[in-house]
Amino acid sequence: MFEQDIKRLLAARHEDFVDHTASHTAIDFHLPRRAICIDAKEKRQKFSTRNWAGALPPQEHLFIVDDLAVRKLLLHAPDSFCLIRDSSAPSVIYYVYSIVDFLCIPKQRSRRPIERSVRAMKGKWLVDFRDAAAFEELDEALDYILRYPRKRKEIFERHIDCWGKYHTEVILTAGATRTARYWKEDATSHR
């Protein structure tokens, strides 16, 4: 199982971690010393295009994640990550979405019916792997996650343009050019 591979790698790297993989409500791994949370997912086979008609990403790039799983990551923001192993590809690839990526990436939301004692709907996100950080080795993906918190100031304080360069997104340029004159007017009108 993918979770076992992550456990072995964390142990080999002497990373302190709390294993929540048996829980249905907690994120899989918590690295308390680093305040990082990692949820592990695996794409074991291709998704049926019959069941997911209308999905925008092509089959080889499609991943479906629970809306609730993403919201659980949000509880541990900003250093929470979804680490995915794509075993459906000819050669295994690892993908990482940070919670900031999930906020910013283009996505398609869907509801899948489920039958329990009553019929309900489960929220799903259809995302494109081309919008994630991609790695050939699990070790490289973990390095990316462990280095990510160093970007915090850049992401949350300095970067004023749209965050991220996502393959499937086209960002429009619109609006009037703002100059210092506008900033002064805005500042005085809000006091």
C-alpha atoms as a PDB file:
ATOM      1  CA  MET A   1       0.000   0.000   0.000  1.00  0.00           C
ATOM      2  CA  PHE A   2       1.056   3.542  -0.737  1.00  0.00           C
ATOM      3  CA  GLU A   3       0.693   4.580   2.913  1.00  0.00           C
ATOM      4  CA  GLN A   4       3.201   1.876   3.913  1.00  0.00           C
ATOM      5  CA  ASP A   5       5.732   3.250   1.428  1.00  0.00           C
ATOM      6  CA  ILE A   6       5.338   6.717   2.930  1.00  0.00           C
ATOM      7  CA  LYS A   7       5.764   5.342   6.470  1.00  0.00           C
ATOM      8  CA  ARG A   8       8.954   3.520   5.456  1.00  0.00           C
ATOM      9  CA  LEU A   9      10.350   6.633   3.801  1.00  0.00           C
ATOM     10  CA  LEU A  10       9.541   8.886   6.764  1.00  0.00           C
ATOM     11  CA  ALA A  11      11.127   6.377   9.164  1.00  0.00           C
ATOM     12  CA  ALA A  12      14.233   5.992   6.958  1.00  0.00           C
ATOM     13  CA  ARG A  13      14.616   9.780   6.939  1.00  0.00           C
ATOM     14  CA  HIS A  14      14.150   9.911  10.738  1.00  0.00           C
ATOM     15  CA  GLU A  15      11.117  12.179  10.404  1.00  0.00           C
ATOM     16  CA  ASP A  16       8.848  12.196  13.455  1.00  0.00           C
ATOM     17  CA  PHE A  17       5.295  11.484  12.323  1.00  0.00           C
ATOM     18  CA  VAL A  18       1.910  10.548  13.654  1.00  0.00           C
ATOM     19  CA  ASP A  19       0.168   7.853  11.620  1.00  0.00           C
ATOM     20  CA  HIS A  20      -3.574   8.401  11.186  1.00  0.00           C
ATOM     21  CA  THR A  21      -4.000   6.082   8.202  1.00  0.00           C
ATOM     22  CA  ALA A  22      -6.532   3.940  10.092  1.00  0.00           C
ATOM     23  CA  SER A  23      -8.756   6.975  10.741  1.00  0.00           C
ATOM     24  CA  HIS A  24     -11.628   8.016   8.486  1.00  0.00           C
ATOM     25  CA  THR A  25     -11.647  11.555   9.874  1.00  0.00           C
ATOM     26  CA  ALA A  26      -7.975  12.557  10.239  1.00  0.00           C
ATOM     27  CA  ILE A  27      -5.368  13.347   7.612  1.00  0.00           C
ATOM     28  CA  ASP A  28      -3.049  10.350   7.073  1.00  0.00           C
ATOM     29  CA  PHE A  29       0.241  11.778   8.333  1.00  0.00           C
ATOM     30  CA  HIS A  30       1.144  14.588  10.695  1.00  0.00           C
ATOM     31  CA  LEU A  31       4.767  15.663  11.034  1.00  0.00           C
ATOM     32  CA  PRO A  32       4.540  17.537  14.364  1.00  0.00           C
ATOM     33  CA  ARG A  33       8.081  18.910  14.408  1.00  0.00           C
ATOM     34  CA  ARG A  34       7.485  20.542  11.036  1.00  0.00           C
ATOM     35  CA  ALA A  35       3.726  21.219  11.453  1.00  0.00           C
ATOM     36  CA  ILE A  36       3.069  19.522   8.118  1.00  0.00           C
ATOM     37  CA  CYS A  37       0.105  17.291   7.253  1.00  0.00           C
ATOM     38  CA  ILE A  38       0.045  14.878   4.313  1.00  0.00           C
ATOM     39  CA  ASP A  39      -2.978  13.034   2.949  1.00  0.00           C
ATOM     40  CA  ALA A  40      -2.013  10.057   0.776  1.00  0.00           C
ATOM     41  CA  LYS A  41      -4.107   9.071  -2.250  1.00  0.00           C
ATOM     42  CA  GLU A  42      -3.542   6.609  -5.057  1.00  0.00           C
ATOM     43  CA  LYS A  43      -4.929   6.308  -8.568  1.00  0.00           C
ATOM     44  CA  ARG A  44      -4.783   2.561  -9.113  1.00  0.00           C
ATOM     45  CA  GLN A  45      -6.655   2.417 -12.400  1.00  0.00           C
ATOM     46  CA  LYS A  46      -8.077   4.699 -15.028  1.00  0.00           C
ATOM     47  CA  PHE A  47     -11.422   6.301 -14.237  1.00  0.00           C
ATOM     48  CA  SER A  48     -14.362   5.145 -16.324  1.00  0.00           C
ATOM     49  CA  THR A  49     -15.225   7.870 -18.802  1.00  0.00           C
ATOM     50  CA  ARG A  50     -18.737   6.401 -18.870  1.00  0.00           C
ATOM     51  CA  ASN A  51     -19.140   7.166 -15.141  1.00  0.00           C
ATOM     52  CA  TRP A  52     -17.482  10.567 -15.391  1.00  0.00           C
ATOM     53  CA  ALA A  53     -18.908  11.875 -18.661  1.00  0.00           C
ATOM     54  CA  GLY A  54     -18.200  15.552 -19.051  1.00  0.00           C
ATOM     55  CA  ALA A  55     -14.870  15.420 -17.208  1.00  0.00           C
ATOM     56  CA  LEU A  56     -12.660  18.102 -18.720  1.00  0.00           C
ATOM     57  CA  PRO A  57      -9.206  16.599 -18.050  1.00  0.00           C
ATOM     58  CA  PRO A  58      -8.247  13.786 -20.423  1.00  0.00           C
ATOM     59  CA  GLN A  59      -8.227  10.333 -18.821  1.00  0.00           C
ATOM     60  CA  GLU A  60      -4.459  10.137 -18.334  1.00  0.00           C
ATOM     61  CA  HIS A  61      -4.444  13.443 -16.427  1.00  0.00           C
ATOM     62  CA  LEU A  62      -7.701  13.047 -14.491  1.00  0.00           C
ATOM     63  CA  PHE A  63      -7.790  12.626 -10.734  1.00  0.00           C
ATOM     64  CA  ILE A  64     -10.912  12.650  -8.589  1.00  0.00           C
ATOM     65  CA  VAL A  65     -10.640  13.763  -4.978  1.00  0.00           C
ATOM     66  CA  ASP A  66     -13.354  14.119  -2.338  1.00  0.00           C
ATOM     67  CA  ASP A  67     -14.505  17.641  -1.577  1.00  0.00           C
ATOM     68  CA  LEU A  68     -14.428  16.656   2.110  1.00  0.00           C
ATOM     69  CA  ALA A  69     -10.796  15.481   1.843  1.00  0.00           C
ATOM     70  CA  VAL A  70      -9.778  18.898   0.546  1.00  0.00           C
ATOM     71  CA  ARG A  71     -11.724  20.627   3.335  1.00  0.00           C
ATOM     72  CA  LYS A  72      -9.881  18.446   5.887  1.00  0.00           C
ATOM     73  CA  LEU A  73      -6.599  19.701   4.433  1.00  0.00           C
ATOM     74  CA  LEU A  74      -7.868  23.240   4.868  1.00  0.00           C
ATOM     75  CA  LEU A  75      -8.103  22.658   8.632  1.00  0.00           C
ATOM     76  CA  HIS A  76      -4.309  22.234   8.644  1.00  0.00           C
ATOM     77  CA  ALA A  77      -3.412  25.044   6.250  1.00  0.00           C
ATOM     78  CA  PRO A  78      -1.107  26.390   5.073  1.00  0.00           C
ATOM     79  CA  ASP A  79       1.264  23.400   5.300  1.00  0.00           C
ATOM     80  CA  SER A  80      -1.078  20.597   4.266  1.00  0.00           C
ATOM     81  CA  PHE A  81      -0.648  18.493   1.160  1.00  0.00           C
ATOM     82  CA  CYS A  82      -2.284  15.816  -0.926  1.00  0.00           C
ATOM     83  CA  LEU A  83       0.384  13.350  -2.083  1.00  0.00           C
ATOM     84  CA  ILE A  84      -0.831  11.099  -4.900  1.00  0.00           C
ATOM     85  CA  ARG A  85       0.726   8.048  -6.481  1.00  0.00           C
ATOM     86  CA  ASP A  86      -0.513   7.418  -9.999  1.00  0.00           C
ATOM     87  CA  SER A  87      -0.137   3.676 -10.413  1.00  0.00           C
ATOM     88  CA  SER A  88      -2.385   3.720 -13.485  1.00  0.00           C
ATOM     89  CA  ALA A  89       0.363   5.303 -15.604  1.00  0.00           C
ATOM     90  CA  PRO A  90       2.873   3.172 -17.545  1.00  0.00           C
ATOM     91  CA  SER A  91       5.495   4.251 -15.006  1.00  0.00           C
ATOM     92  CA  VAL A  92       4.529   5.397 -11.525  1.00  0.00           C
ATOM     93  CA  ILE A  93       4.398   9.152 -11.019  1.00  0.00           C
ATOM     94  CA  TYR A  94       3.930  11.075  -7.773  1.00  0.00           C
ATOM     95  CA  TYR A  95       1.919  14.293  -7.650  1.00  0.00           C
ATOM     96  CA  VAL A  96       1.661  16.931  -4.920  1.00  0.00           C
ATOM     97  CA  TYR A  97      -1.073  19.494  -4.461  1.00  0.00           C
ATOM     98  CA  SER A  98      -0.672  21.952  -1.596  1.00  0.00           C
ATOM     99  CA  ILE A  99      -3.819  23.364  -0.040  1.00  0.00           C
ATOM    100  CA  VAL A 100      -2.929  26.630  -1.811  1.00  0.00           C
ATOM    101  CA  ASP A 101      -2.873  24.761  -5.140  1.00  0.00           C
ATOM    102  CA  PHE A 102      -6.310  23.301  -4.403  1.00  0.00           C
ATOM    103  CA  LEU A 103      -7.542  26.835  -3.732  1.00  0.00           C
ATOM    104  CA  CYS A 104      -6.087  28.243  -6.959  1.00  0.00           C
ATOM    105  CA  ILE A 105      -6.219  25.481  -9.591  1.00  0.00           C
ATOM    106  CA  PRO A 106      -8.940  25.191 -12.174  1.00  0.00           C
ATOM    107  CA  LYS A 107     -11.232  22.383 -11.088  1.00  0.00           C
ATOM    108  CA  GLN A 108     -14.531  20.849 -11.961  1.00  0.00           C
ATOM    109  CA  ARG A 109     -16.838  20.022  -9.074  1.00  0.00           C
ATOM    110  CA  SER A 110     -19.261  17.170  -9.240  1.00  0.00           C
ATOM    111  CA  ARG A 111     -21.684  15.323  -6.993  1.00  0.00           C
ATOM    112  CA  ARG A 112     -21.803  11.556  -7.049  1.00  0.00           C
ATOM    113  CA  PRO A 113     -24.941   9.838  -5.752  1.00  0.00           C
ATOM    114  CA  ILE A 114     -24.438   7.322  -2.949  1.00  0.00           C
ATOM    115  CA  GLU A 115     -26.948   4.942  -1.416  1.00  0.00           C
ATOM    116  CA  ARG A 116     -26.982   4.421   2.337  1.00  0.00           C
ATOM    117  CA  SER A 117     -30.173   4.268   4.349  1.00  0.00           C
ATOM    118  CA  VAL A 118     -31.161   7.273   2.214  1.00  0.00           C
ATOM    119  CA  ARG A 119     -29.831   8.569  -1.075  1.00  0.00           C
ATOM    120  CA  ALA A 120     -27.201  11.286  -0.662  1.00  0.00           C
ATOM    121  CA  MET A 121     -24.658  13.131  -2.775  1.00  0.00           C
ATOM    122  CA  LYS A 122     -20.900  13.039  -2.244  1.00  0.00           C
ATOM    123  CA  GLY A 123     -18.860  16.027  -3.405  1.00  0.00           C
ATOM    124  CA  LYS A 124     -15.988  15.307  -5.783  1.00  0.00           C
ATOM    125  CA  TRP A 125     -13.381  17.457  -7.482  1.00  0.00           C
ATOM    126  CA  LEU A 126     -12.130  16.518 -10.935  1.00  0.00           C
ATOM    127  CA  VAL A 127      -8.604  17.893 -11.179  1.00  0.00           C
ATOM    128  CA  ASP A 128      -5.852  17.702 -13.751  1.00  0.00           C
ATOM    129  CA  PHE A 129      -2.500  16.172 -12.808  1.00  0.00           C
ATOM    130  CA  ARG A 130      -0.792  18.673 -15.109  1.00  0.00           C
ATOM    131  CA  ASP A 131      -1.621  21.337 -12.493  1.00  0.00           C
ATOM    132  CA  ALA A 132       0.262  19.499  -9.728  1.00  0.00           C
ATOM    133  CA  ALA A 133       3.957  19.266  -8.920  1.00  0.00           C
ATOM    134  CA  ALA A 134       5.108  15.962 -10.498  1.00  0.00           C
ATOM    135  CA  PHE A 135       7.940  13.636  -9.464  1.00  0.00           C
ATOM    136  CA  GLU A 136       9.340  10.324 -10.613  1.00  0.00           C
ATOM    137  CA  GLU A 137      10.403   9.297  -7.094  1.00  0.00           C
ATOM    138  CA  LEU A 138       8.534   9.383  -3.788  1.00  0.00           C
ATOM    139  CA  ASP A 139      11.658  10.772  -2.122  1.00  0.00           C
ATOM    140  CA  GLU A 140      11.612  13.788  -4.477  1.00  0.00           C
ATOM    141  CA  ALA A 141       7.930  14.448  -3.726  1.00  0.00           C
ATOM    142  CA  LEU A 142       8.615  14.347   0.010  1.00  0.00           C
ATOM    143  CA  ASP A 143      11.560  16.748  -0.403  1.00  0.00           C
ATOM    144  CA  TYR A 144       9.236  19.159  -2.210  1.00  0.00           C
ATOM    145  CA  ILE A 145       6.714  18.980   0.654  1.00  0.00           C
ATOM    146  CA  LEU A 146       9.388  19.485   3.316  1.00  0.00           C
ATOM    147  CA  ARG A 147      10.853  22.534   1.517  1.00  0.00           C
ATOM    148  CA  TYR A 148       7.462  24.107   0.773  1.00  0.00           C
ATOM    149  CA  PRO A 149       7.015  25.990   4.102  1.00  0.00           C
ATOM    150  CA  ARG A 150      10.040  28.130   3.180  1.00  0.00           C
ATOM    151  CA  LYS A 151       7.855  29.663   0.450  1.00  0.00           C
ATOM    152  CA  ARG A 152       5.292  30.914   2.969  1.00  0.00           C
ATOM    153  CA  LYS A 153       6.322  34.604   2.920  1.00  0.00           C
ATOM    154  CA  GLU A 154       6.444  34.596  -0.862  1.00  0.00           C
ATOM    155  CA  ILE A 155       3.020  32.953  -1.197  1.00  0.00           C
ATOM    156  CA  PHE A 156       1.147  34.819   1.520  1.00  0.00           C
ATOM    157  CA  GLU A 157       2.848  38.216   1.726  1.00  0.00           C
ATOM    158  CA  ARG A 158       4.871  39.168  -1.325  1.00  0.00           C
ATOM    159  CA  HIS A 159       3.392  37.626  -4.473  1.00  0.00           C
ATOM    160  CA  ILE A 160       0.663  39.974  -5.742  1.00  0.00           C
ATOM    161  CA  ASP A 161      -0.058  38.340  -9.114  1.00  0.00           C
ATOM    162  CA  CYS A 162      -2.258  35.231  -9.327  1.00  0.00           C
ATOM    163  CA  TRP A 163      -0.464  32.455  -7.477  1.00  0.00           C
ATOM    164  CA  GLY A 164       0.784  29.439  -9.410  1.00  0.00           C
ATOM    165  CA  LYS A 165       1.342  28.520 -13.001  1.00  0.00           C
ATOM    166  CA  TYR A 166      -1.247  25.902 -13.801  1.00  0.00           C
ATOM    167  CA  HIS A 167      -1.100  24.184 -17.166  1.00  0.00           C
ATOM    168  CA  THR A 168      -4.861  24.124 -17.683  1.00  0.00           C
ATOM    169  CA  GLU A 169      -5.539  27.726 -16.689  1.00  0.00           C
ATOM    170  CA  VAL A 170      -5.773  30.816 -18.859  1.00  0.00           C
ATOM    171  CA  ILE A 171      -5.562  33.983 -16.762  1.00  0.00           C
ATOM    172  CA  LEU A 172      -7.198  37.055 -18.211  1.00  0.00           C
ATOM    173  CA  THR A 173      -5.670  40.515 -17.970  1.00  0.00           C
ATOM    174  CA  ALA A 174      -8.401  43.070 -17.353  1.00  0.00           C
ATOM    175  CA  GLY A 175      -9.296  46.253 -15.534  1.00  0.00           C
ATOM    176  CA  ALA A 176      -7.795  49.725 -15.563  1.00  0.00           C
ATOM    177  CA  THR A 177      -4.129  50.064 -14.721  1.00  0.00           C
ATOM    178  CA  ARG A 178      -3.862  51.091 -11.075  1.00  0.00           C
ATOM    179  CA  THR A 179      -1.340  53.826 -10.251  1.00  0.00           C
ATOM    180  CA  ALA A 180      -0.225  55.542  -7.059  1.00  0.00           C
ATOM    181  CA  ARG A 181      -2.976  58.141  -7.531  1.00  0.00           C
ATOM    182  CA  TYR A 182      -5.615  55.410  -7.062  1.00  0.00           C
ATOM    183  CA  TRP A 183      -3.902  54.035  -3.964  1.00  0.00           C
ATOM    184  CA  LYS A 184      -3.988  57.462  -2.318  1.00  0.00           C
ATOM    185  CA  GLU A 185      -7.668  57.929  -3.228  1.00  0.00           C
ATOM    186  CA  ASP A 186      -8.516  54.466  -1.943  1.00  0.00           C
ATOM    187  CA  ALA A 187      -6.665  55.054   1.308  1.00  0.00           C
ATOM    188  CA  THR A 188      -8.387  58.359   2.042  1.00  0.00           C
ATOM    189  CA  SER A 189     -11.869  57.175   1.047  1.00  0.00           C
ATOM    190  CA  HIS A 190     -11.717  54.234   3.493  1.00  0.00           C
ATOM    191  CA  ARG A 191     -10.764  56.188   6.597  1.00  0.00           C
END
